[in-house]
């Protein structure tokens, strides 16, 4: 199946997130068939606003933001499915999330998602964030894709 990549402009057209909460810089690979999967990139720099308050003398990317970056990568893939265009993606759950290593300024975070279920607007995906060949976080996320208020 055809693999596609997306720059930040294309990402911004697909998902509603904006600074400072847009945490995916690029999608280097996305497939919609036979399984929905995507690989995103987050370049972690010392200029991130969260480093001002999250251990300023020992900057570590908060785990919750790693999970959010994974969810946004899944969101991009989900919003590329024709039936989801114009809808709103919502994060609904996290299962079995494990944090394996710290993510620090200068790291390039590779964000991998593979959908394991998607029906009637509800989805589930296996996710993994890594730096180089080392896993930073992995687990399962759940999400919903809904009609925005006033569009039903």
N, C-alpha and C. Protein backbone atom coordinates (compact mmCIF):
# COMPACT_ATOMS: atom_id res chain seq x y z
N UNK A 1 0.84 -1.19 0.00
CA UNK A 1 0.00 0.00 0.00
C UNK A 1 0.87 1.24 0.00
N UNK A 2 0.34 2.31 -0.51
CA UNK A 2 1.06 3.59 -0.59
C UNK A 2 1.34 4.15 0.80
N UNK A 3 2.59 4.57 1.00
CA UNK A 3 2.97 5.23 2.25
C UNK A 3 3.13 6.70 1.95
N UNK A 4 2.62 7.54 2.86
CA UNK A 4 2.70 8.98 2.67
C UNK A 4 3.41 9.62 3.84
N UNK A 5 3.90 10.84 3.63
CA UNK A 5 4.48 11.64 4.71
C UNK A 5 3.79 13.00 4.71
N UNK A 6 3.83 13.68 5.86
CA UNK A 6 3.15 14.97 6.00
C UNK A 6 4.06 15.95 6.72
N UNK A 7 4.09 17.18 6.23
CA UNK A 7 4.83 18.23 6.94
C UNK A 7 3.89 18.92 7.93
N UNK A 8 4.42 19.88 8.66
CA UNK A 8 3.65 20.53 9.72
C UNK A 8 2.41 21.25 9.18
N UNK A 9 2.47 21.78 7.97
CA UNK A 9 1.31 22.45 7.38
C UNK A 9 0.17 21.46 7.17
N UNK A 10 0.49 20.28 6.65
CA UNK A 10 -0.53 19.25 6.42
C UNK A 10 -1.09 18.73 7.75
N UNK A 11 -0.22 18.59 8.75
CA UNK A 11 -0.67 18.14 10.07
C UNK A 11 -1.67 19.14 10.65
N UNK A 12 -1.36 20.43 10.55
CA UNK A 12 -2.24 21.48 11.08
C UNK A 12 -3.59 21.51 10.37
N UNK A 13 -3.64 21.08 9.13
CA UNK A 13 -4.91 21.02 8.40
C UNK A 13 -5.78 19.85 8.87
N UNK A 14 -5.15 18.81 9.41
CA UNK A 14 -5.89 17.61 9.80
C UNK A 14 -6.37 17.61 11.25
N UNK A 15 -5.57 18.18 12.17
CA UNK A 15 -5.94 18.10 13.59
C UNK A 15 -6.06 19.50 14.18
N UNK A 16 -6.86 19.65 15.23
CA UNK A 16 -7.14 20.98 15.78
C UNK A 16 -6.06 21.53 16.72
N UNK A 17 -5.04 20.78 17.05
CA UNK A 17 -4.04 21.20 18.02
C UNK A 17 -3.20 22.36 17.50
N UNK A 18 -2.82 23.26 18.42
CA UNK A 18 -1.99 24.42 18.09
C UNK A 18 -0.99 24.64 19.22
N UNK A 19 0.00 25.51 18.97
CA UNK A 19 1.01 25.84 19.97
C UNK A 19 0.31 26.31 21.25
N UNK A 20 0.76 25.90 22.40
CA UNK A 20 1.94 25.06 22.68
C UNK A 20 1.62 23.57 22.76
N UNK A 21 0.43 23.16 22.32
CA UNK A 21 0.05 21.76 22.46
C UNK A 21 0.13 20.94 21.18
N UNK A 22 0.64 21.48 20.11
CA UNK A 22 0.89 20.67 18.92
C UNK A 22 2.26 20.05 19.11
N UNK A 23 2.30 18.74 19.33
CA UNK A 23 3.53 18.06 19.74
C UNK A 23 4.11 17.14 18.68
N UNK A 24 3.60 17.18 17.47
CA UNK A 24 4.14 16.37 16.37
C UNK A 24 4.68 17.33 15.32
N UNK A 25 5.95 17.18 14.98
CA UNK A 25 6.58 18.06 14.00
C UNK A 25 6.42 17.57 12.57
N UNK A 26 6.34 16.25 12.41
CA UNK A 26 6.32 15.68 11.07
C UNK A 26 5.78 14.25 11.16
N UNK A 27 5.09 13.84 10.12
CA UNK A 27 4.68 12.44 9.97
C UNK A 27 5.54 11.89 8.84
N UNK A 28 6.38 10.91 9.14
CA UNK A 28 7.29 10.40 8.12
C UNK A 28 6.70 9.22 7.36
N UNK A 29 5.64 8.64 7.91
CA UNK A 29 5.04 7.50 7.27
C UNK A 29 3.61 7.34 7.78
N UNK A 30 2.68 7.15 6.85
CA UNK A 30 1.31 6.82 7.24
C UNK A 30 0.75 5.85 6.22
N UNK A 31 0.10 4.82 6.71
CA UNK A 31 -0.58 3.83 5.87
C UNK A 31 -2.01 3.71 6.37
N UNK A 32 -2.96 3.62 5.45
CA UNK A 32 -4.36 3.48 5.83
C UNK A 32 -4.88 2.08 5.56
N UNK A 33 -4.16 1.28 4.78
CA UNK A 33 -4.55 -0.10 4.48
C UNK A 33 -3.30 -0.96 4.40
N UNK A 34 -3.32 -2.20 4.74
CA UNK A 34 -4.45 -2.95 5.28
C UNK A 34 -4.73 -2.60 6.74
N UNK A 35 -3.73 -2.01 7.43
CA UNK A 35 -3.89 -1.59 8.82
C UNK A 35 -3.53 -0.11 8.89
N UNK A 36 -4.27 0.65 9.69
CA UNK A 36 -3.92 2.06 9.87
C UNK A 36 -2.72 2.14 10.81
N UNK A 37 -1.65 2.75 10.32
CA UNK A 37 -0.45 2.94 11.13
C UNK A 37 0.24 4.23 10.70
N UNK A 38 0.99 4.81 11.63
CA UNK A 38 1.70 6.05 11.33
C UNK A 38 2.97 6.13 12.16
N UNK A 39 3.93 6.88 11.64
CA UNK A 39 5.17 7.16 12.35
C UNK A 39 5.38 8.66 12.31
N UNK A 40 5.46 9.27 13.49
CA UNK A 40 5.66 10.71 13.60
C UNK A 40 7.00 11.02 14.25
N UNK A 41 7.37 12.29 14.16
CA UNK A 41 8.62 12.78 14.75
C UNK A 41 8.33 14.01 15.61
N UNK A 42 8.91 14.04 16.80
CA UNK A 42 8.89 15.21 17.68
C UNK A 42 10.34 15.53 18.01
N UNK A 43 10.80 16.69 17.57
CA UNK A 43 12.14 17.14 17.91
C UNK A 43 12.05 17.88 19.25
N UNK A 44 12.73 17.37 20.24
CA UNK A 44 12.65 17.92 21.59
C UNK A 44 13.78 18.93 21.76
N UNK A 45 13.41 20.20 22.03
CA UNK A 45 14.42 21.24 22.20
C UNK A 45 14.28 21.88 23.58
N UNK A 46 15.33 22.51 24.03
CA UNK A 46 15.31 23.20 25.33
C UNK A 46 14.33 24.36 25.32
N UNK A 47 13.91 24.82 24.15
CA UNK A 47 12.97 25.94 24.04
C UNK A 47 11.51 25.54 24.29
N UNK A 48 11.24 24.27 24.55
CA UNK A 48 9.87 23.83 24.84
C UNK A 48 9.38 24.55 26.09
N UNK A 49 8.14 25.08 26.06
CA UNK A 49 7.65 25.83 27.22
C UNK A 49 7.57 25.00 28.51
N UNK A 50 7.37 23.70 28.40
CA UNK A 50 7.24 22.88 29.62
C UNK A 50 8.55 22.73 30.37
N UNK A 51 9.68 22.95 29.73
CA UNK A 51 10.96 22.82 30.44
C UNK A 51 11.19 23.94 31.46
N UNK A 52 10.47 25.04 31.33
CA UNK A 52 10.60 26.13 32.30
C UNK A 52 10.16 25.70 33.69
N UNK A 53 9.20 24.78 33.76
CA UNK A 53 8.69 24.38 35.06
C UNK A 53 8.90 22.92 35.40
N UNK A 54 9.32 22.12 34.43
CA UNK A 54 9.50 20.69 34.68
C UNK A 54 10.98 20.40 34.83
N UNK A 55 11.46 20.48 36.06
CA UNK A 55 12.86 20.26 36.42
C UNK A 55 13.80 21.16 35.61
N UNK A 56 13.71 22.48 35.77
CA UNK A 56 14.53 23.39 34.95
C UNK A 56 16.04 23.11 35.03
N UNK A 57 16.53 22.63 36.16
CA UNK A 57 17.97 22.35 36.24
C UNK A 57 18.31 20.95 35.71
N UNK A 58 17.30 20.13 35.46
CA UNK A 58 17.49 18.80 34.88
C UNK A 58 16.28 18.53 33.99
N UNK A 59 16.23 19.15 32.80
CA UNK A 59 15.03 19.10 31.96
C UNK A 59 14.72 17.69 31.44
N UNK A 60 13.50 17.24 31.74
CA UNK A 60 12.98 15.95 31.29
C UNK A 60 11.59 16.20 30.71
N UNK A 61 11.32 15.67 29.54
CA UNK A 61 9.99 15.82 28.94
C UNK A 61 8.98 15.04 29.78
N UNK A 62 7.89 15.69 30.20
CA UNK A 62 6.88 15.00 31.00
C UNK A 62 6.28 13.81 30.24
N UNK A 63 6.12 12.70 30.95
CA UNK A 63 5.56 11.50 30.34
C UNK A 63 4.19 11.73 29.73
N UNK A 64 3.39 12.55 30.38
CA UNK A 64 2.05 12.82 29.86
C UNK A 64 2.11 13.50 28.49
N UNK A 65 3.15 14.28 28.24
CA UNK A 65 3.29 14.93 26.93
C UNK A 65 3.81 13.96 25.88
N UNK A 66 4.58 12.96 26.29
CA UNK A 66 4.97 11.89 25.36
C UNK A 66 3.71 11.13 24.92
N UNK A 67 2.84 10.83 25.88
CA UNK A 67 1.58 10.15 25.56
C UNK A 67 0.73 11.03 24.65
N UNK A 68 0.67 12.32 24.92
CA UNK A 68 -0.10 13.24 24.07
C UNK A 68 0.47 13.27 22.65
N UNK A 69 1.79 13.26 22.50
CA UNK A 69 2.40 13.24 21.17
C UNK A 69 2.03 11.96 20.42
N UNK A 70 2.01 10.84 21.13
CA UNK A 70 1.57 9.58 20.53
C UNK A 70 0.11 9.66 20.10
N UNK A 71 -0.73 10.23 20.96
CA UNK A 71 -2.15 10.37 20.64
C UNK A 71 -2.35 11.27 19.43
N UNK A 72 -1.57 12.34 19.32
CA UNK A 72 -1.68 13.23 18.16
C UNK A 72 -1.26 12.52 16.88
N UNK A 73 -0.25 11.67 16.97
CA UNK A 73 0.16 10.90 15.79
C UNK A 73 -0.98 9.98 15.36
N UNK A 74 -1.63 9.32 16.31
CA UNK A 74 -2.79 8.48 16.00
C UNK A 74 -3.92 9.33 15.43
N UNK A 75 -4.08 10.51 15.98
CA UNK A 75 -5.13 11.43 15.53
C UNK A 75 -4.93 11.79 14.05
N UNK A 76 -3.71 12.09 13.66
CA UNK A 76 -3.43 12.43 12.26
C UNK A 76 -3.84 11.27 11.36
N UNK A 77 -3.43 10.06 11.72
CA UNK A 77 -3.79 8.89 10.90
C UNK A 77 -5.31 8.71 10.84
N UNK A 78 -5.96 8.82 11.98
CA UNK A 78 -7.41 8.65 12.03
C UNK A 78 -8.17 9.68 11.22
N UNK A 79 -7.66 10.91 11.21
CA UNK A 79 -8.35 11.97 10.48
C UNK A 79 -8.10 11.89 8.98
N UNK A 80 -7.18 11.04 8.55
CA UNK A 80 -6.95 10.83 7.12
C UNK A 80 -7.94 9.84 6.52
N UNK A 81 -8.68 9.13 7.36
CA UNK A 81 -9.70 8.19 6.89
C UNK A 81 -10.89 9.02 6.41
N UNK A 82 -11.34 8.77 5.19
CA UNK A 82 -12.38 9.60 4.57
C UNK A 82 -13.60 9.83 5.45
N UNK A 83 -14.11 8.80 6.09
CA UNK A 83 -15.33 8.94 6.90
C UNK A 83 -15.14 9.83 8.14
N UNK A 84 -13.89 10.14 8.49
CA UNK A 84 -13.62 10.97 9.67
C UNK A 84 -13.37 12.44 9.35
N UNK A 85 -13.32 12.79 8.09
CA UNK A 85 -13.05 14.17 7.71
C UNK A 85 -14.11 15.10 8.29
N UNK A 86 -13.66 16.21 8.88
CA UNK A 86 -14.56 17.19 9.47
C UNK A 86 -15.02 16.85 10.88
N UNK A 87 -14.57 15.73 11.41
CA UNK A 87 -14.96 15.33 12.75
C UNK A 87 -13.89 15.74 13.76
N UNK A 88 -14.16 15.48 15.02
CA UNK A 88 -13.27 15.89 16.10
C UNK A 88 -12.73 14.66 16.83
N UNK A 89 -11.39 14.54 16.90
CA UNK A 89 -10.80 13.40 17.61
C UNK A 89 -10.66 13.71 19.10
N UNK A 90 -11.00 12.75 19.94
CA UNK A 90 -10.88 12.91 21.39
C UNK A 90 -10.17 11.71 21.99
N UNK A 91 -9.27 11.98 22.91
CA UNK A 91 -8.53 10.97 23.65
C UNK A 91 -9.48 10.42 24.71
N UNK A 92 -9.65 9.09 24.80
CA UNK A 92 -10.59 8.55 25.79
C UNK A 92 -9.96 7.61 26.81
N UNK A 93 -8.73 7.16 26.59
CA UNK A 93 -8.16 6.27 27.58
C UNK A 93 -6.73 5.85 27.29
N UNK A 94 -6.09 5.37 28.34
CA UNK A 94 -4.71 4.86 28.27
C UNK A 94 -4.70 3.52 29.00
N UNK A 95 -4.07 2.54 28.41
CA UNK A 95 -3.92 1.23 29.04
C UNK A 95 -2.47 0.79 29.00
N UNK A 96 -2.01 0.20 30.07
CA UNK A 96 -0.71 -0.45 30.12
C UNK A 96 0.45 0.43 29.67
N UNK A 97 0.39 1.72 29.93
CA UNK A 97 1.47 2.62 29.52
C UNK A 97 2.66 2.43 30.44
N UNK A 98 3.80 2.26 29.84
CA UNK A 98 5.05 2.10 30.58
C UNK A 98 6.05 3.12 30.07
N UNK A 99 6.78 3.73 31.00
CA UNK A 99 7.83 4.68 30.64
C UNK A 99 9.17 4.01 30.89
N UNK A 100 9.98 3.95 29.87
CA UNK A 100 11.21 3.15 29.91
C UNK A 100 12.48 3.98 30.00
N UNK A 101 12.47 5.21 29.49
CA UNK A 101 13.66 6.06 29.55
C UNK A 101 13.24 7.52 29.51
N UNK A 102 14.11 8.38 30.00
CA UNK A 102 13.84 9.81 29.99
C UNK A 102 14.04 10.37 28.58
N UNK A 103 13.27 11.40 28.27
CA UNK A 103 13.41 12.14 27.02
C UNK A 103 13.87 13.54 27.40
N UNK A 104 14.99 13.97 26.82
CA UNK A 104 15.62 15.23 27.21
C UNK A 104 15.85 16.11 25.98
N UNK A 105 16.15 17.40 26.20
CA UNK A 105 16.43 18.28 25.06
C UNK A 105 17.53 17.70 24.17
N UNK A 106 17.31 17.81 22.87
CA UNK A 106 18.25 17.27 21.90
C UNK A 106 17.80 15.92 21.34
N UNK A 107 16.87 15.26 22.03
CA UNK A 107 16.37 13.97 21.55
C UNK A 107 15.40 14.16 20.39
N UNK A 108 15.39 13.20 19.50
CA UNK A 108 14.36 13.10 18.46
C UNK A 108 13.49 11.93 18.84
N UNK A 109 12.24 12.23 19.12
CA UNK A 109 11.28 11.23 19.57
C UNK A 109 10.55 10.66 18.35
N UNK A 110 10.68 9.36 18.15
CA UNK A 110 9.98 8.66 17.08
C UNK A 110 8.69 8.11 17.67
N UNK A 111 7.57 8.44 17.05
CA UNK A 111 6.24 8.11 17.57
C UNK A 111 5.55 7.12 16.62
N UNK A 112 5.35 5.90 17.08
CA UNK A 112 4.77 4.86 16.23
C UNK A 112 3.40 4.45 16.77
N UNK A 113 2.41 4.40 15.88
CA UNK A 113 1.07 3.97 16.26
C UNK A 113 0.54 2.97 15.24
N UNK A 114 -0.18 1.98 15.74
CA UNK A 114 -0.85 1.02 14.86
C UNK A 114 -2.22 0.73 15.43
N UNK A 115 -3.25 1.02 14.66
CA UNK A 115 -4.61 0.80 15.11
C UNK A 115 -4.88 -0.70 15.24
N UNK A 116 -5.50 -1.08 16.33
CA UNK A 116 -5.88 -2.47 16.52
C UNK A 116 -7.40 -2.65 16.44
N UNK A 117 -8.13 -1.54 16.56
CA UNK A 117 -9.60 -1.57 16.44
C UNK A 117 -10.07 -0.19 16.02
N UNK A 118 -11.10 -0.16 15.18
CA UNK A 118 -11.71 1.11 14.77
C UNK A 118 -13.09 0.79 14.24
N UNK A 119 -14.11 1.13 15.04
CA UNK A 119 -15.48 0.92 14.58
C UNK A 119 -16.42 1.89 15.30
N UNK A 120 -17.39 2.36 14.52
CA UNK A 120 -18.41 3.28 15.03
C UNK A 120 -17.81 4.45 15.81
N UNK A 121 -16.75 5.04 15.29
CA UNK A 121 -16.18 6.22 15.90
C UNK A 121 -15.30 5.98 17.12
N UNK A 122 -15.07 4.73 17.47
CA UNK A 122 -14.21 4.40 18.61
C UNK A 122 -13.00 3.64 18.09
N UNK A 123 -11.83 3.93 18.70
CA UNK A 123 -10.63 3.27 18.24
C UNK A 123 -9.67 2.94 19.37
N UNK A 124 -8.73 2.08 19.02
CA UNK A 124 -7.71 1.64 19.96
C UNK A 124 -6.43 1.46 19.15
N UNK A 125 -5.28 1.82 19.74
CA UNK A 125 -4.01 1.70 19.03
C UNK A 125 -2.89 1.30 19.96
N UNK A 126 -2.01 0.45 19.46
CA UNK A 126 -0.75 0.18 20.15
C UNK A 126 0.19 1.32 19.81
N UNK A 127 0.90 1.85 20.81
CA UNK A 127 1.77 3.00 20.59
C UNK A 127 3.15 2.76 21.20
N UNK A 128 4.15 3.39 20.58
CA UNK A 128 5.52 3.28 21.09
C UNK A 128 6.26 4.56 20.73
N UNK A 129 6.93 5.14 21.72
CA UNK A 129 7.80 6.30 21.51
C UNK A 129 9.23 5.84 21.77
N UNK A 130 10.14 6.21 20.89
CA UNK A 130 11.53 5.78 21.08
C UNK A 130 12.49 6.91 20.73
N UNK A 131 13.69 6.80 21.29
CA UNK A 131 14.80 7.69 20.97
C UNK A 131 15.91 6.77 20.50
N UNK A 132 16.28 6.91 19.23
CA UNK A 132 17.22 5.95 18.66
C UNK A 132 16.58 4.58 18.69
N UNK A 133 17.29 3.59 19.20
CA UNK A 133 16.74 2.24 19.27
C UNK A 133 16.21 1.90 20.67
N UNK A 134 16.10 2.92 21.53
CA UNK A 134 15.64 2.69 22.91
C UNK A 134 14.20 3.18 23.09
N UNK A 135 13.35 2.31 23.65
CA UNK A 135 11.96 2.66 23.91
C UNK A 135 11.87 3.65 25.06
N UNK A 136 11.15 4.75 24.84
CA UNK A 136 10.91 5.73 25.90
C UNK A 136 9.57 5.47 26.58
N UNK A 137 8.56 5.08 25.80
CA UNK A 137 7.24 4.79 26.35
C UNK A 137 6.51 3.86 25.39
N UNK A 138 5.62 3.03 25.95
CA UNK A 138 4.81 2.15 25.11
C UNK A 138 3.54 1.79 25.86
N UNK A 139 2.50 1.52 25.09
CA UNK A 139 1.24 1.15 25.70
C UNK A 139 0.12 1.13 24.68
N UNK A 140 -1.09 1.35 25.16
CA UNK A 140 -2.29 1.34 24.33
C UNK A 140 -3.06 2.63 24.61
N UNK A 141 -3.53 3.28 23.55
CA UNK A 141 -4.40 4.44 23.73
C UNK A 141 -5.76 4.14 23.10
N UNK A 142 -6.78 4.79 23.65
CA UNK A 142 -8.14 4.70 23.12
C UNK A 142 -8.59 6.10 22.73
N UNK A 143 -9.44 6.17 21.73
CA UNK A 143 -9.91 7.47 21.26
C UNK A 143 -11.29 7.35 20.64
N UNK A 144 -11.93 8.50 20.52
CA UNK A 144 -13.23 8.60 19.86
C UNK A 144 -13.12 9.66 18.78
N UNK A 145 -13.89 9.49 17.73
CA UNK A 145 -13.96 10.49 16.67
C UNK A 145 -15.43 10.86 16.57
N UNK A 146 -15.74 12.12 16.93
CA UNK A 146 -17.13 12.54 17.07
C UNK A 146 -17.47 13.69 16.13
N UNK A 147 -18.76 13.90 15.96
CA UNK A 147 -19.25 15.09 15.26
C UNK A 147 -19.11 16.28 16.19
N UNK A 148 -18.51 17.38 15.74
CA UNK A 148 -18.42 18.56 16.62
C UNK A 148 -19.83 19.07 16.96
N UNK A 149 -19.95 19.70 18.12
CA UNK A 149 -21.24 20.30 18.54
C UNK A 149 -21.79 21.20 17.44
N UNK A 150 -23.08 21.08 17.19
CA UNK A 150 -23.73 21.92 16.20
C UNK A 150 -23.64 21.42 14.78
N UNK A 151 -22.96 20.29 14.53
CA UNK A 151 -22.82 19.76 13.17
C UNK A 151 -23.62 18.49 12.96
N UNK A 152 -24.34 18.02 13.97
CA UNK A 152 -25.05 16.74 13.86
C UNK A 152 -26.26 16.84 13.00
